Amino acid sequence: MALLRVVLDTNVIVSGLAYPDSPPGRLVAAWNQGQLALVTSRYILGEVARVLPKVAKGRLTPAEVADMVGSFLFTADVVAPVDVREPDLRDPGDGAVLGTLLAGKADWLVTGDKDLLALSEGYAITTPAHLWERIGT
């Protein structure tokens, strides 16, 4: 059976790394254990590199953050986001995240971003808790 292909939005990756027992943390662990296939983009990884040090509050050095983000390049399917013309997209920066879902032909975009979740009628977008409820063991 093919692995479920998921795009983990920046907020899910960062929360998952910071809080391993949370639904985002369980999804990150499932990916690390080979139970999910991660689809991402350099855009998302750039956001992770920018946000993670703020969340880690000094617990990670810049080199550790760079190594962590760099490891995604080798362990995930990194795609170039397609250009999305979505009139209901409230935050223009979310276009690259939605474009990653489409370019990577992922099964789900997993996010806590309310602006992206508002588009779930037209796209395969869900929350970490909902996806974990579906796949968790």
Protein backbone atom coordinates (compact mmCIF):
# COMPACT_ATOMS: atom_id res chain seq x y z
CA MET A 1 0.00 0.00 0.00
CA ALA A 2 1.30 3.45 -0.93
CA LEU A 3 2.11 5.85 1.87
CA LEU A 4 -0.21 8.76 2.48
CA ARG A 5 1.43 11.86 0.98
CA VAL A 6 1.06 14.90 3.22
CA VAL A 7 2.16 18.50 3.22
CA LEU A 8 2.78 19.64 6.77
CA ASP A 9 2.40 23.39 6.97
CA THR A 10 5.06 25.38 8.81
CA ASN A 11 2.94 25.62 11.97
CA VAL A 12 2.53 21.83 12.06
CA ILE A 13 6.23 21.10 11.59
CA VAL A 14 7.31 23.63 14.20
CA SER A 15 4.64 22.55 16.69
CA GLY A 16 5.48 18.92 16.03
CA LEU A 17 9.15 19.47 16.78
CA ALA A 18 8.41 21.56 19.87
CA TYR A 19 5.62 19.36 21.29
CA PRO A 20 6.22 15.69 20.41
CA ASP A 21 3.14 14.42 22.29
CA SER A 22 0.72 16.70 20.41
CA PRO A 23 -1.11 15.69 17.20
CA PRO A 24 1.48 17.62 15.13
CA GLY A 25 4.25 15.84 17.05
CA ARG A 26 2.65 12.47 16.37
CA LEU A 27 2.43 13.29 12.65
CA VAL A 28 6.10 14.34 12.54
CA ALA A 29 6.99 11.09 14.35
CA ALA A 30 4.86 9.06 11.91
CA TRP A 31 6.77 10.65 9.03
CA ASN A 32 10.13 10.01 10.74
CA GLN A 33 9.12 6.35 11.21
CA GLY A 34 8.24 5.97 7.52
CA GLN A 35 4.47 5.83 8.03
CA LEU A 36 3.81 9.00 6.00
CA ALA A 37 5.46 10.50 2.94
CA LEU A 38 6.24 14.17 3.46
CA VAL A 39 5.83 16.57 0.56
CA THR A 40 7.29 20.02 1.11
CA SER A 41 8.81 22.99 -0.68
CA ARG A 42 11.73 25.29 -0.15
CA TYR A 43 9.16 27.96 0.71
CA ILE A 44 7.84 25.93 3.67
CA LEU A 45 11.35 24.96 4.74
CA GLY A 46 12.38 28.61 4.63
CA GLU A 47 9.49 29.47 6.92
CA VAL A 48 10.48 26.65 9.29
CA ALA A 49 14.06 27.97 9.37
CA ARG A 50 12.74 31.45 10.20
CA VAL A 51 10.14 30.42 12.84
CA LEU A 52 11.82 27.49 14.60
CA PRO A 53 14.53 29.54 16.36
CA LYS A 54 11.83 31.81 17.84
CA VAL A 55 9.87 28.84 19.17
CA ALA A 56 12.98 27.02 20.39
CA LYS A 57 13.96 30.13 22.39
CA GLY A 58 17.68 29.49 22.41
CA ARG A 59 17.49 25.71 22.79
CA LEU A 60 18.74 25.26 19.23
CA THR A 61 21.79 26.90 17.72
CA PRO A 62 21.55 28.41 14.24
CA ALA A 63 23.66 25.48 13.00
CA GLU A 64 21.26 22.95 14.55
CA VAL A 65 18.29 24.67 12.91
CA ALA A 66 20.10 24.70 9.56
CA ASP A 67 20.96 21.00 9.91
CA MET A 68 17.40 20.11 10.85
CA VAL A 69 15.91 22.04 7.94
CA GLY A 70 18.59 20.69 5.61
CA SER A 71 17.72 17.12 6.55
CA PHE A 72 14.24 17.66 5.11
CA LEU A 73 15.83 18.10 1.70
CA PHE A 74 17.01 14.49 1.85
CA THR A 75 14.04 12.86 3.56
CA ALA A 76 11.05 14.59 1.96
CA ASP A 77 9.75 15.03 -1.56
CA VAL A 78 10.66 18.68 -2.18
CA VAL A 79 8.60 20.26 -4.96
CA ALA A 80 8.34 23.70 -6.50
CA PRO A 81 4.89 25.12 -5.65
CA VAL A 82 2.61 25.76 -8.59
CA ASP A 83 1.22 29.26 -9.00
CA VAL A 84 -2.23 29.29 -7.41
CA ARG A 85 -4.96 31.66 -8.48
CA GLU A 86 -7.38 31.18 -5.62
CA PRO A 87 -9.68 34.18 -5.11
CA ASP A 88 -10.63 33.09 -1.59
CA LEU A 89 -7.02 32.96 -0.40
CA ARG A 90 -6.88 35.64 2.30
CA ASP A 91 -3.11 35.54 2.94
CA PRO A 92 -1.05 35.76 -0.27
CA GLY A 93 1.81 33.92 1.47
CA ASP A 94 -0.43 30.87 1.78
CA GLY A 95 -0.48 30.53 -2.00
CA ALA A 96 2.91 28.80 -1.93
CA VAL A 97 1.68 26.35 0.71
CA LEU A 98 -1.45 25.54 -1.30
CA GLY A 99 0.75 25.38 -4.41
CA THR A 100 2.91 22.77 -2.66
CA LEU A 101 -0.16 20.59 -2.09
CA LEU A 102 -1.06 20.79 -5.77
CA ALA A 103 2.47 20.42 -7.18
CA GLY A 104 3.24 17.46 -4.95
CA LYS A 105 -0.05 15.73 -5.68
CA ALA A 106 -0.33 15.20 -1.94
CA ASP A 107 -3.31 13.53 -0.32
CA TRP A 108 -3.58 16.18 2.40
CA LEU A 109 -2.37 19.61 3.41
CA VAL A 110 -2.22 19.53 7.21
CA THR A 111 -2.42 22.91 8.89
CA GLY A 112 -3.69 24.86 11.85
CA ASP A 113 -3.94 28.02 9.73
CA LYS A 114 -7.58 29.16 9.75
CA ASP A 115 -7.18 30.95 6.41
CA LEU A 116 -6.11 27.71 4.72
CA LEU A 117 -8.66 25.62 6.61
CA ALA A 118 -11.36 27.93 5.23
CA LEU A 119 -10.54 26.48 1.79
CA SER A 120 -11.12 22.85 2.84
CA GLU A 121 -14.34 22.60 0.82
CA GLY A 122 -12.34 22.85 -2.40
CA TYR A 123 -9.02 21.31 -1.40
CA ALA A 124 -7.78 18.38 0.67
CA ILE A 125 -6.94 20.45 3.75
CA THR A 126 -7.31 19.22 7.32
CA THR A 127 -6.07 19.79 10.86
CA PRO A 128 -3.37 17.74 12.57
CA ALA A 129 -5.91 16.39 15.08
CA HIS A 130 -8.29 15.27 12.33
CA LEU A 131 -5.59 13.52 10.30
CA TRP A 132 -4.16 11.86 13.41
CA GLU A 133 -7.64 10.65 14.31
CA ARG A 134 -7.88 9.04 10.87
CA ILE A 135 -4.45 7.40 10.78
CA GLY A 136 -3.27 7.18 14.39
CA THR A 137 -2.66 3.84 15.99
